[in-house]
C-alpha atoms as a PDB file:
ATOM      1  CA  MET A   1      -8.742 -99.180 -54.919  1.00  0.00           C
ATOM      2  CA  ASN A   2      -5.265-100.766 -55.064  1.00  0.00           C
ATOM      3  CA  LEU A   3      -3.775 -98.075 -57.271  1.00  0.00           C
ATOM      4  CA  PRO A   4      -4.199 -94.366 -56.530  1.00  0.00           C
ATOM      5  CA  ILE A   5      -6.722 -92.220 -58.340  1.00  0.00           C
ATOM      6  CA  LEU A   6      -5.643 -89.491 -60.749  1.00  0.00           C
ATOM      7  CA  LEU A   7      -7.018 -86.180 -59.473  1.00  0.00           C
ATOM      8  CA  LEU A   8      -7.472 -83.484 -62.109  1.00  0.00           C
ATOM      9  CA  ILE A   9      -8.967 -80.167 -61.036  1.00  0.00           C
ATOM     10  CA  ASN A  10      -9.840 -77.408 -63.479  1.00  0.00           C
ATOM     11  CA  LEU A  11      -8.372 -74.415 -61.658  1.00  0.00           C
ATOM     12  CA  HIS A  12     -10.079 -72.108 -64.180  1.00  0.00           C
ATOM     13  CA  SER A  13     -13.581 -73.366 -63.325  1.00  0.00           C
ATOM     14  CA  LYS A  14     -15.904 -71.412 -61.055  1.00  0.00           C
ATOM     15  CA  GLN A  15     -14.909 -73.293 -57.906  1.00  0.00           C
ATOM     16  CA  GLY A  16     -11.793 -75.238 -58.924  1.00  0.00           C
ATOM     17  CA  LEU A  17      -9.091 -72.944 -57.599  1.00  0.00           C
ATOM     18  CA  ALA A  18     -10.962 -72.050 -54.424  1.00  0.00           C
ATOM     19  CA  ARG A  19     -11.862 -75.646 -53.522  1.00  0.00           C
ATOM     20  CA  PHE A  20      -8.811 -77.621 -54.665  1.00  0.00           C
ATOM     21  CA  GLY A  21      -7.474 -77.804 -51.105  1.00  0.00           C
ATOM     22  CA  GLU A  22     -10.855 -78.939 -49.792  1.00  0.00           C
ATOM     23  CA  ALA A  23     -10.991 -81.788 -52.320  1.00  0.00           C
ATOM     24  CA  VAL A  24      -7.507 -82.964 -51.335  1.00  0.00           C
ATOM     25  CA  ALA A  25      -8.404 -82.785 -47.642  1.00  0.00           C
ATOM     26  CA  CYS A  26     -11.572 -84.824 -48.233  1.00  0.00           C
ATOM     27  CA  PHE A  27      -9.684 -87.633 -49.949  1.00  0.00           C
ATOM     28  CA  ASN A  28      -7.058 -87.578 -47.196  1.00  0.00           C
ATOM     29  CA  ASP A  29      -9.809 -87.963 -44.584  1.00  0.00           C
ATOM     30  CA  LEU A  30     -11.390 -90.791 -46.581  1.00  0.00           C
ATOM     31  CA  GLY A  31      -8.083 -92.643 -46.919  1.00  0.00           C
ATOM     32  CA  VAL A  32      -8.060 -92.421 -50.719  1.00  0.00           C
ATOM     33  CA  GLN A  33      -4.611 -92.296 -52.308  1.00  0.00           C
ATOM     34  CA  TYR A  34      -4.214 -89.919 -55.225  1.00  0.00           C
ATOM     35  CA  ILE A  35      -1.836 -88.468 -57.782  1.00  0.00           C
ATOM     36  CA  VAL A  36      -2.436 -84.821 -58.665  1.00  0.00           C
ATOM     37  CA  GLY A  37      -2.087 -84.145 -62.389  1.00  0.00           C
ATOM     38  CA  GLN A  38      -0.662 -80.808 -63.464  1.00  0.00           C
ATOM     39  CA  ILE A  39      -3.320 -78.869 -65.381  1.00  0.00           C
ATOM     40  CA  ARG A  40      -2.267 -75.638 -67.077  1.00  0.00           C
ATOM     41  CA  ASP A  41      -4.686 -75.645 -70.011  1.00  0.00           C
ATOM     42  CA  SER A  42      -7.483 -77.807 -71.397  1.00  0.00           C
ATOM     43  CA  ALA A  43      -5.150 -80.073 -73.399  1.00  0.00           C
ATOM     44  CA  ASP A  44      -3.476 -81.197 -70.166  1.00  0.00           C
ATOM     45  CA  PHE A  45      -6.523 -83.241 -69.136  1.00  0.00           C
ATOM     46  CA  ALA A  46      -6.061 -85.661 -72.042  1.00  0.00           C
ATOM     47  CA  HIS A  47      -2.270 -85.630 -71.685  1.00  0.00           C
ATOM     48  CA  SER A  48      -2.451 -86.507 -67.972  1.00  0.00           C
ATOM     49  CA  ILE A  49      -4.985 -89.307 -68.494  1.00  0.00           C
ATOM     50  CA  ARG A  50      -2.864 -90.903 -71.208  1.00  0.00           C
ATOM     51  CA  HIS A  51       0.340 -90.481 -69.197  1.00  0.00           C
ATOM     52  CA  TYR A  52      -1.019 -92.071 -65.990  1.00  0.00           C
ATOM     53  CA  ARG A  53      -3.459 -94.594 -67.465  1.00  0.00           C
ATOM     54  CA  ASP A  54      -1.460 -97.651 -66.315  1.00  0.00           C
ATOM     55  CA  LYS A  55      -0.544 -96.161 -62.927  1.00  0.00           C
ATOM     56  CA  VAL A  56      -3.986 -95.281 -61.552  1.00  0.00           C
ATOM     57  CA  SER A  57      -7.276 -97.049 -60.856  1.00  0.00           C
ATOM     58  CA  ALA A  58      -9.604 -94.183 -61.838  1.00  0.00           C
ATOM     59  CA  VAL A  59      -9.691 -90.581 -63.012  1.00  0.00           C
ATOM     60  CA  VAL A  60     -11.403 -88.004 -60.801  1.00  0.00           C
ATOM     61  CA  ILE A  61     -12.098 -84.662 -62.452  1.00  0.00           C
ATOM     62  CA  GLY A  62     -13.251 -81.467 -60.784  1.00  0.00           C
ATOM     63  CA  GLY A  63     -14.892 -78.899 -63.021  1.00  0.00           C
ATOM     64  CA  GLY A  64     -17.974 -78.200 -65.105  1.00  0.00           C
ATOM     65  CA  ASP A  65     -19.552 -79.867 -68.126  1.00  0.00           C
ATOM     66  CA  GLY A  66     -17.111 -78.290 -70.583  1.00  0.00           C
ATOM     67  CA  THR A  67     -14.207 -79.723 -68.573  1.00  0.00           C
ATOM     68  CA  PHE A  68     -15.601 -83.254 -68.785  1.00  0.00           C
ATOM     69  CA  ASN A  69     -16.157 -82.810 -72.520  1.00  0.00           C
ATOM     70  CA  VAL A  70     -12.478 -81.904 -72.970  1.00  0.00           C
ATOM     71  CA  ALA A  71     -11.435 -85.111 -71.183  1.00  0.00           C
ATOM     72  CA  VAL A  72     -14.025 -87.596 -72.477  1.00  0.00           C
ATOM     73  CA  ASP A  73     -12.147 -88.892 -75.528  1.00  0.00           C
ATOM     74  CA  ALA A  74      -9.051 -89.733 -73.466  1.00  0.00           C
ATOM     75  CA  LEU A  75     -11.257 -91.343 -70.794  1.00  0.00           C
ATOM     76  CA  VAL A  76     -12.855 -93.683 -73.333  1.00  0.00           C
ATOM     77  CA  GLU A  77      -9.441 -94.488 -74.776  1.00  0.00           C
ATOM     78  CA  SER A  78      -8.009 -95.288 -71.330  1.00  0.00           C
ATOM     79  CA  GLY A  79     -10.893 -97.467 -70.171  1.00  0.00           C
ATOM     80  CA  LEU A  80     -10.601 -95.937 -66.691  1.00  0.00           C
ATOM     81  CA  PRO A  81     -13.700 -95.150 -64.595  1.00  0.00           C
ATOM     82  CA  LEU A  82     -14.584 -91.498 -64.004  1.00  0.00           C
ATOM     83  CA  GLY A  83     -15.234 -89.786 -60.698  1.00  0.00           C
ATOM     84  CA  ILE A  84     -16.977 -86.406 -60.824  1.00  0.00           C
ATOM     85  CA  LEU A  85     -16.505 -83.422 -58.531  1.00  0.00           C
ATOM     86  CA  PRO A  86     -19.170 -80.872 -59.595  1.00  0.00           C
ATOM     87  CA  LEU A  87     -17.196 -77.611 -59.532  1.00  0.00           C
ATOM     88  CA  GLY A  88     -18.675 -75.852 -62.570  1.00  0.00           C
ATOM     89  CA  THR A  89     -21.484 -73.382 -63.140  1.00  0.00           C
ATOM     90  CA  ALA A  90     -24.329 -75.628 -64.303  1.00  0.00           C
ATOM     91  CA  ASN A  91     -23.097 -79.151 -63.419  1.00  0.00           C
ATOM     92  CA  ASP A  92     -25.661 -80.776 -65.708  1.00  0.00           C
ATOM     93  CA  LEU A  93     -23.785 -84.084 -65.914  1.00  0.00           C
ATOM     94  CA  ALA A  94     -23.642 -84.345 -62.119  1.00  0.00           C
ATOM     95  CA  ARG A  95     -27.383 -83.623 -61.961  1.00  0.00           C
ATOM     96  CA  THR A  96     -28.088 -86.301 -64.573  1.00  0.00           C
ATOM     97  CA  LEU A  97     -26.120 -88.832 -62.511  1.00  0.00           C
ATOM     98  CA  ASN A  98     -27.926 -87.856 -59.274  1.00  0.00           C
ATOM     99  CA  LEU A  99     -24.613 -86.853 -57.705  1.00  0.00           C
ATOM    100  CA  PRO A 100     -24.591 -84.702 -54.562  1.00  0.00           C
ATOM    101  CA  ALA A 101     -23.742 -81.027 -55.013  1.00  0.00           C
ATOM    102  CA  SER A 102     -21.711 -81.048 -51.804  1.00  0.00           C
ATOM    103  CA  LEU A 103     -17.980 -81.559 -52.468  1.00  0.00           C
ATOM    104  CA  PRO A 104     -17.371 -83.773 -49.388  1.00  0.00           C
ATOM    105  CA  GLU A 105     -20.370 -85.938 -50.343  1.00  0.00           C
ATOM    106  CA  ALA A 106     -19.178 -86.177 -53.972  1.00  0.00           C
ATOM    107  CA  CYS A 107     -15.752 -87.326 -52.720  1.00  0.00           C
ATOM    108  CA  ALA A 108     -17.466 -89.887 -50.485  1.00  0.00           C
ATOM    109  CA  VAL A 109     -19.343 -91.311 -53.498  1.00  0.00           C
ATOM    110  CA  ILE A 110     -15.991 -91.958 -55.185  1.00  0.00           C
ATOM    111  CA  ALA A 111     -14.456 -93.469 -52.036  1.00  0.00           C
ATOM    112  CA  GLN A 112     -17.462 -95.795 -51.714  1.00  0.00           C
ATOM    113  CA  GLY A 113     -16.520 -97.234 -55.112  1.00  0.00           C
ATOM    114  CA  TYR A 114     -19.957 -98.006 -56.609  1.00  0.00           C
ATOM    115  CA  ARG A 115     -19.806 -97.690 -60.412  1.00  0.00           C
ATOM    116  CA  ARG A 116     -22.259 -97.782 -63.288  1.00  0.00           C
ATOM    117  CA  ARG A 117     -21.851 -97.872 -67.048  1.00  0.00           C
ATOM    118  CA  ILE A 118     -23.393 -94.994 -68.968  1.00  0.00           C
ATOM    119  CA  ASP A 119     -23.953 -94.279 -72.639  1.00  0.00           C
ATOM    120  CA  LEU A 120     -22.113 -91.599 -74.561  1.00  0.00           C
ATOM    121  CA  GLY A 121     -23.079 -89.760 -77.704  1.00  0.00           C
ATOM    122  CA  ARG A 122     -20.647 -89.171 -80.539  1.00  0.00           C
ATOM    123  CA  THR A 123     -20.858 -86.711 -83.408  1.00  0.00           C
ATOM    124  CA  ASN A 124     -18.365 -86.720 -86.247  1.00  0.00           C
ATOM    125  CA  GLY A 125     -16.047 -88.722 -83.999  1.00  0.00           C
ATOM    126  CA  LYS A 126     -16.320 -86.417 -80.939  1.00  0.00           C
ATOM    127  CA  TYR A 127     -17.820 -87.939 -77.780  1.00  0.00           C
ATOM    128  CA  PHE A 128     -20.266 -86.049 -75.577  1.00  0.00           C
ATOM    129  CA  PHE A 129     -22.058 -86.713 -72.279  1.00  0.00           C
ATOM    130  CA  ASN A 130     -25.127 -84.456 -72.218  1.00  0.00           C
ATOM    131  CA  VAL A 131     -26.150 -82.924 -75.517  1.00  0.00           C
ATOM    132  CA  ALA A 132     -24.899 -81.835 -78.928  1.00  0.00           C
ATOM    133  CA  SER A 133     -26.709 -79.051 -80.748  1.00  0.00           C
ATOM    134  CA  CYS A 134     -26.607 -76.474 -83.502  1.00  0.00           C
ATOM    135  CA  GLY A 135     -28.407 -73.194 -84.082  1.00  0.00           C
ATOM    136  CA  LEU A 136     -29.525 -71.113 -81.117  1.00  0.00           C
ATOM    137  CA  SER A 137     -27.185 -72.865 -78.685  1.00  0.00           C
ATOM    138  CA  ILE A 138     -24.071 -71.777 -80.591  1.00  0.00           C
ATOM    139  CA  ALA A 139     -24.955 -68.106 -80.218  1.00  0.00           C
ATOM    140  CA  ILE A 140     -25.801 -68.699 -76.543  1.00  0.00           C
ATOM    141  CA  THR A 141     -22.401 -70.344 -76.009  1.00  0.00           C
ATOM    142  CA  GLN A 142     -20.696 -67.296 -77.505  1.00  0.00           C
ATOM    143  CA  GLN A 143     -22.700 -65.010 -75.219  1.00  0.00           C
ATOM    144  CA  LEU A 144     -21.639 -67.009 -72.149  1.00  0.00           C
ATOM    145  CA  SER A 145     -18.497 -65.145 -71.215  1.00  0.00           C
ATOM    146  CA  LYS A 146     -16.523 -66.185 -68.141  1.00  0.00           C
ATOM    147  CA  GLY A 147     -17.411 -62.831 -66.596  1.00  0.00           C
ATOM    148  CA  LEU A 148     -21.135 -63.414 -67.107  1.00  0.00           C
ATOM    149  CA  LYS A 149     -20.974 -66.895 -65.523  1.00  0.00           C
ATOM    150  CA  ARG A 150     -18.815 -65.656 -62.679  1.00  0.00           C
ATOM    151  CA  ARG A 151     -21.239 -62.836 -61.896  1.00  0.00           C
ATOM    152  CA  TRP A 152     -24.574 -64.574 -62.358  1.00  0.00           C
ATOM    153  CA  GLY A 153     -23.818 -68.304 -61.984  1.00  0.00           C
ATOM    154  CA  ALA A 154     -26.484 -70.606 -63.484  1.00  0.00           C
ATOM    155  CA  LEU A 155     -28.676 -67.543 -64.200  1.00  0.00           C
ATOM    156  CA  ALA A 156     -26.112 -66.567 -66.860  1.00  0.00           C
ATOM    157  CA  TYR A 157     -27.633 -69.198 -69.182  1.00  0.00           C
ATOM    158  CA  ALA A 158     -31.037 -67.486 -69.062  1.00  0.00           C
ATOM    159  CA  ILE A 159     -29.468 -64.055 -69.643  1.00  0.00           C
ATOM    160  CA  ALA A 160     -27.464 -65.312 -72.628  1.00  0.00           C
ATOM    161  CA  THR A 161     -30.569 -66.995 -74.063  1.00  0.00           C
ATOM    162  CA  LEU A 162     -32.655 -63.811 -73.883  1.00  0.00           C
ATOM    163  CA  ARG A 163     -29.901 -61.794 -75.567  1.00  0.00           C
ATOM    164  CA  THR A 164     -29.587 -64.353 -78.358  1.00  0.00           C
ATOM    165  CA  LEU A 165     -33.311 -64.649 -79.037  1.00  0.00           C
ATOM    166  CA  LEU A 166     -33.478 -61.026 -80.170  1.00  0.00           C
ATOM    167  CA  THR A 167     -31.630 -61.881 -83.403  1.00  0.00           C
ATOM    168  CA  ALA A 168     -32.484 -65.586 -83.766  1.00  0.00           C
ATOM    169  CA  ARG A 169     -33.492 -66.898 -87.218  1.00  0.00           C
ATOM    170  CA  ARG A 170     -34.671 -70.337 -88.307  1.00  0.00           C
ATOM    171  CA  PHE A 171     -32.467 -72.443 -90.588  1.00  0.00           C
ATOM    172  CA  GLU A 172     -33.115 -75.300 -93.039  1.00  0.00           C
ATOM    173  CA  ALA A 173     -32.114 -78.852 -92.125  1.00  0.00           C
ATOM    174  CA  LEU A 174     -32.509 -82.397 -93.413  1.00  0.00           C
ATOM    175  CA  ILE A 175     -32.811 -84.948 -90.598  1.00  0.00           C
ATOM    176  CA  GLN A 176     -32.631 -88.734 -90.867  1.00  0.00           C
ATOM    177  CA  VAL A 177     -33.207 -90.988 -87.847  1.00  0.00           C
ATOM    178  CA  ASP A 178     -32.051 -94.638 -87.875  1.00  0.00           C
ATOM    179  CA  ASP A 179     -31.887 -94.909 -91.682  1.00  0.00           C
ATOM    180  CA  GLY A 180     -35.500 -93.799 -91.984  1.00  0.00           C
ATOM    181  CA  GLU A 181     -36.946 -91.193 -94.306  1.00  0.00           C
ATOM    182  CA  GLU A 182     -34.974 -87.947 -94.678  1.00  0.00           C
ATOM    183  CA  LEU A 183     -37.191 -85.135 -93.391  1.00  0.00           C
ATOM    184  CA  HIS A 184     -36.983 -81.386 -94.041  1.00  0.00           C
ATOM    185  CA  ARG A 185     -37.278 -79.079 -91.016  1.00  0.00           C
ATOM    186  CA  ARG A 186     -36.987 -75.334 -90.360  1.00  0.00           C
ATOM    187  CA  SER A 187     -35.527 -74.835 -86.916  1.00  0.00           C
ATOM    188  CA  LEU A 188     -34.119 -72.325 -84.454  1.00  0.00           C
ATOM    189  CA  GLN A 189     -32.209 -75.105 -82.725  1.00  0.00           C
ATOM    190  CA  ILE A 190     -31.677 -78.824 -83.151  1.00  0.00           C
ATOM    191  CA  ALA A 191     -30.460 -80.697 -80.087  1.00  0.00           C
ATOM    192  CA  VAL A 192     -29.453 -84.343 -79.780  1.00  0.00           C
ATOM    193  CA  GLY A 193     -29.377 -85.447 -76.149  1.00  0.00           C
ATOM    194  CA  ASN A 194     -27.666 -88.439 -74.583  1.00  0.00           C
ATOM    195  CA  GLY A 195     -28.114 -87.419 -70.947  1.00  0.00           C
ATOM    196  CA  ARG A 196     -31.070 -85.771 -69.252  1.00  0.00           C
ATOM    197  CA  TYR A 197     -30.002 -82.208 -68.404  1.00  0.00           C
ATOM    198  CA  TYR A 198     -28.168 -79.494 -70.348  1.00  0.00           C
ATOM    199  CA  GLY A 199     -27.862 -75.725 -70.612  1.00  0.00           C
ATOM    200  CA  GLY A 200     -28.029 -74.952 -66.922  1.00  0.00           C
ATOM    201  CA  GLY A 201     -30.777 -77.387 -65.938  1.00  0.00           C
ATOM    202  CA  MET A 202     -33.019 -77.666 -69.027  1.00  0.00           C
ATOM    203  CA  THR A 203     -34.318 -81.182 -69.714  1.00  0.00           C
ATOM    204  CA  VAL A 204     -33.719 -82.973 -73.013  1.00  0.00           C
ATOM    205  CA  ALA A 205     -36.867 -85.070 -72.597  1.00  0.00           C
ATOM    206  CA  GLU A 206     -39.053 -86.063 -69.667  1.00  0.00           C
ATOM    207  CA  ASP A 207     -38.135 -89.742 -70.047  1.00  0.00           C
ATOM    208  CA  ALA A 208     -34.482 -89.270 -71.049  1.00  0.00           C
ATOM    209  CA  ALA A 209     -31.756 -91.158 -69.176  1.00  0.00           C
ATOM    210  CA  ILE A 210     -28.014 -91.439 -69.734  1.00  0.00           C
ATOM    211  CA  ASP A 211     -28.190 -95.234 -69.778  1.00  0.00           C
ATOM    212  CA  ASP A 212     -31.364 -95.853 -71.806  1.00  0.00           C
ATOM    213  CA  GLN A 213     -29.450 -96.616 -75.056  1.00  0.00           C
ATOM    214  CA  LEU A 214     -31.318 -93.947 -76.985  1.00  0.00           C
ATOM    215  CA  LEU A 215     -30.582 -90.483 -78.311  1.00  0.00           C
ATOM    216  CA  ASP A 216     -33.345 -87.871 -77.923  1.00  0.00           C
ATOM    217  CA  LEU A 217     -33.685 -85.269 -80.674  1.00  0.00           C
ATOM    218  CA  TYR A 218     -35.759 -82.130 -80.580  1.00  0.00           C
ATOM    219  CA  SER A 219     -36.099 -79.344 -83.102  1.00  0.00           C
ATOM    220  CA  LEU A 220     -37.257 -75.917 -81.896  1.00  0.00           C
ATOM    221  CA  GLU A 221     -39.480 -74.647 -84.723  1.00  0.00           C
ATOM    222  CA  MET A 222     -41.563 -71.679 -83.543  1.00  0.00           C
ATOM    223  CA  PRO A 223     -42.413 -69.216 -86.353  1.00  0.00           C
ATOM    224  CA  HIS A 224     -41.459 -66.254 -84.131  1.00  0.00           C
ATOM    225  CA  TRP A 225     -38.702 -66.075 -81.532  1.00  0.00           C
ATOM    226  CA  TRP A 226     -41.005 -64.697 -78.846  1.00  0.00           C
ATOM    227  CA  HIS A 227     -43.038 -67.940 -78.921  1.00  0.00           C
ATOM    228  CA  ILE A 228     -40.258 -69.474 -76.865  1.00  0.00           C
ATOM    229  CA  PHE A 229     -41.595 -67.716 -73.758  1.00  0.00           C
ATOM    230  CA  PHE A 230     -44.699 -69.956 -73.982  1.00  0.00           C
ATOM    231  CA  LEU A 231     -42.478 -73.026 -74.314  1.00  0.00           C
ATOM    232  CA  LEU A 232     -39.961 -72.295 -71.554  1.00  0.00           C
ATOM    233  CA  PRO A 233     -41.711 -74.523 -68.973  1.00  0.00           C
ATOM    234  CA  ALA A 234     -41.643 -77.406 -71.492  1.00  0.00           C
ATOM    235  CA  LEU A 235     -37.941 -76.868 -72.196  1.00  0.00           C
ATOM    236  CA  ARG A 236     -37.205 -76.690 -68.495  1.00  0.00           C
ATOM    237  CA  HIS A 237     -38.962 -79.928 -67.597  1.00  0.00           C
ATOM    238  CA  GLY A 238     -38.853 -81.831 -70.909  1.00  0.00           C
ATOM    239  CA  LYS A 239     -42.646 -82.229 -70.944  1.00  0.00           C
ATOM    240  CA  PHE A 240     -43.185 -81.453 -74.607  1.00  0.00           C
ATOM    241  CA  GLY A 241     -46.266 -83.560 -75.329  1.00  0.00           C
ATOM    242  CA  GLU A 242     -47.800 -82.375 -78.608  1.00  0.00           C
ATOM    243  CA  ARG A 243     -46.922 -78.715 -78.114  1.00  0.00           C
ATOM    244  CA  ILE A 244     -46.735 -76.680 -81.309  1.00  0.00           C
ATOM    245  CA  GLY A 245     -43.209 -75.574 -82.087  1.00  0.00           C
ATOM    246  CA  ILE A 246     -41.218 -78.596 -80.873  1.00  0.00           C
ATOM    247  CA  TRP A 247     -40.608 -81.652 -83.085  1.00  0.00           C
ATOM    248  CA  ARG A 248     -39.192 -84.778 -81.406  1.00  0.00           C
ATOM    249  CA  ARG A 249     -37.677 -88.112 -82.372  1.00  0.00           C
ATOM    250  CA  LYS A 250     -35.693 -90.906 -80.676  1.00  0.00           C
ATOM    251  CA  GLY A 251     -33.066 -93.168 -82.197  1.00  0.00           C
ATOM    252  CA  LYS A 252     -29.570 -94.580 -82.090  1.00  0.00           C
ATOM    253  CA  LYS A 253     -28.190 -92.876 -85.196  1.00  0.00           C
ATOM    254  CA  ILE A 254     -29.168 -89.413 -86.449  1.00  0.00           C
ATOM    255  CA  ARG A 255     -27.896 -87.535 -89.491  1.00  0.00           C
ATOM    256  CA  ILE A 256     -28.306 -83.759 -89.848  1.00  0.00           C
ATOM    257  CA  ALA A 257     -27.398 -81.816 -92.985  1.00  0.00           C
ATOM    258  CA  THR A 258     -27.792 -78.070 -93.629  1.00  0.00           C
ATOM    259  CA  PRO A 259     -27.403 -76.038 -96.867  1.00  0.00           C
ATOM    260  CA  HIS A 260     -24.329 -74.375 -95.373  1.00  0.00           C
ATOM    261  CA  PRO A 261     -22.093 -75.828 -92.646  1.00  0.00           C
ATOM    262  CA  LYS A 262     -23.333 -74.925 -89.176  1.00  0.00           C
ATOM    263  CA  ARG A 263     -21.241 -75.185 -86.040  1.00  0.00           C
ATOM    264  CA  VAL A 264     -22.136 -77.905 -83.547  1.00  0.00           C
ATOM    265  CA  ASN A 265     -21.419 -77.763 -79.826  1.00  0.00           C
ATOM    266  CA  THR A 266     -20.942 -80.773 -77.578  1.00  0.00           C
ATOM    267  CA  ASP A 267     -21.586 -80.181 -73.865  1.00  0.00           C
ATOM    268  CA  GLY A 268     -21.229 -76.428 -74.447  1.00  0.00           C
ATOM    269  CA  GLU A 269     -17.961 -76.606 -76.434  1.00  0.00           C
ATOM    270  CA  ILE A 270     -17.975 -75.860 -80.189  1.00  0.00           C
ATOM    271  CA  THR A 271     -16.255 -78.926 -81.667  1.00  0.00           C
ATOM    272  CA  THR A 272     -17.544 -79.735 -85.167  1.00  0.00           C
ATOM    273  CA  ARG A 273     -19.873 -78.693 -88.011  1.00  0.00           C
ATOM    274  CA  THR A 274     -22.722 -80.036 -90.118  1.00  0.00           C
ATOM    275  CA  PRO A 275     -23.172 -82.319 -91.930  1.00  0.00           C
ATOM    276  CA  ALA A 276     -23.051 -84.309 -88.724  1.00  0.00           C
ATOM    277  CA  LEU A 277     -23.635 -87.934 -87.812  1.00  0.00           C
ATOM    278  CA  PHE A 278     -24.791 -88.457 -84.211  1.00  0.00           C
ATOM    279  CA  GLU A 279     -24.286 -91.972 -82.870  1.00  0.00           C
ATOM    280  CA  LEU A 280     -25.131 -93.709 -79.615  1.00  0.00           C
ATOM    281  CA  CYS A 281     -22.230 -95.455 -77.861  1.00  0.00           C
ATOM    282  CA  PRO A 282     -23.968 -97.737 -75.326  1.00  0.00           C
ATOM    283  CA  GLY A 283     -22.206 -98.431 -72.027  1.00  0.00           C
ATOM    284  CA  ALA A 284     -19.100 -96.624 -73.222  1.00  0.00           C
ATOM    285  CA  LEU A 285     -17.869 -95.362 -69.847  1.00  0.00           C
ATOM    286  CA  GLU A 286     -17.955 -96.311 -66.168  1.00  0.00           C
ATOM    287  CA  VAL A 287     -18.720 -93.568 -63.644  1.00  0.00           C
ATOM    288  CA  PHE A 288     -18.892 -93.442 -59.864  1.00  0.00           C
ATOM    289  CA  VAL A 289     -22.467 -92.887 -58.688  1.00  0.00           C
ATOM    290  CA  PRO A 290     -24.266 -93.156 -55.348  1.00  0.00           C
ATOM    291  CA  ALA A 291     -24.975 -96.775 -54.423  1.00  0.00           C
ATOM    292  CA  PRO A 292     -28.690 -97.584 -54.740  1.00  0.00           C
ATOM    293  CA  SER A 293     -30.688 -98.264 -51.629  1.00  0.00           C
ATOM    294  CA  ALA A 294     -31.972-101.822 -51.126  1.00  0.00           C
ATOM    295  CA  PRO A 295     -35.466-101.218 -52.626  1.00  0.00           C
ATOM    296  CA  GLU A 296     -33.891 -99.697 -55.766  1.00  0.00           C
ATOM    297  CA  GLN A 297     -31.621-102.677 -56.435  1.00  0.00           C
ATOM    298  CA  GLY A 298     -34.547-104.829 -57.484  1.00  0.00           C
ATOM    299  CA  ARG A 299     -34.250-108.507 -58.381  1.00  0.00           C
ATOM    300  CA  LYS A 300     -30.867-110.077 -58.936  1.00  0.00           C
ATOM    301  CA  GLY A 301     -29.461-109.152 -62.362  1.00  0.00           C
ATOM    302  CA  GLU A 302     -31.518-105.976 -62.703  1.00  0.00           C
ATOM    303  CA  ARG A 303     -29.873-102.581 -62.728  1.00  0.00           C
ATOM    304  CA  PRO A 304     -31.727 -99.393 -61.747  1.00  0.00           C
ATOM    305  CA  SER A 305     -32.035 -96.568 -64.253  1.00  0.00           C
ATOM    306  CA  LEU A 306     -30.151 -93.352 -63.659  1.00  0.00           C
ATOM    307  CA  SER A 307     -33.199 -91.328 -64.625  1.00  0.00           C
ATOM    308  CA  PRO A 308     -34.842 -89.548 -61.681  1.00  0.00           C
ATOM    309  CA  VAL A 309     -37.812 -91.237 -60.038  1.00  0.00           C
END
């Protein structure tokens, strides 16, 4: 890297404040030059990226999935590659990209310099990495207080889900995939996934990948909320098959309309409402990922998938 990287650490994330010094020390040891952006609130991520875009070779962000969601629009606008330091609670994007959980190893991935293009999703103009959803997930997001995540870590997602299920109700929706027939559904939650993991390690679909140029939709449609306990293994591993209560589709463009506007979250942040248009943005962003081993590189011109083996 001829120019320095821009290092942006979310000091309000679970590990950001405690491990900022460690991240700096790692890059010093690796001989990576950096500029530290001043982050006081979430808006500063976009401001820093736009301010330094012509002075740096890449943007390295430390935080969780919500932090990356805050920065994604400015990243696309800048055209700069993204390096990820997984310092959040769930770190679903890092898991999707097969990044190491260890901070020194994550820094080493960036120093190594191997990059891949990934897809992004976009709903009503807002980009997202992992998943956008409405229904049950909105109430879960509201239950996920900072105190709950700080105390229970990734287990906080399960606790928030159980609390929310007690009052969950299905809602009406019209769904259209790739200009096909508009279909009526009654759902507890509709999720549109671009990546593989979301919500603290749940899987969008067994065959989902962040570079497969497809969006994966599922609608959770059990008649009674307690049916979800029979479907939890499927939601965890994405192995839905023909299970009753989950309706699935794949596509590049998905429209969802509801009788009344419903809030939509993108990567855990509430950002828009229905009616919503979900679009695939293929190869929209470069990210630093571990270099593939020789057997994975395949024949010349091929590129390995980022989906787990």
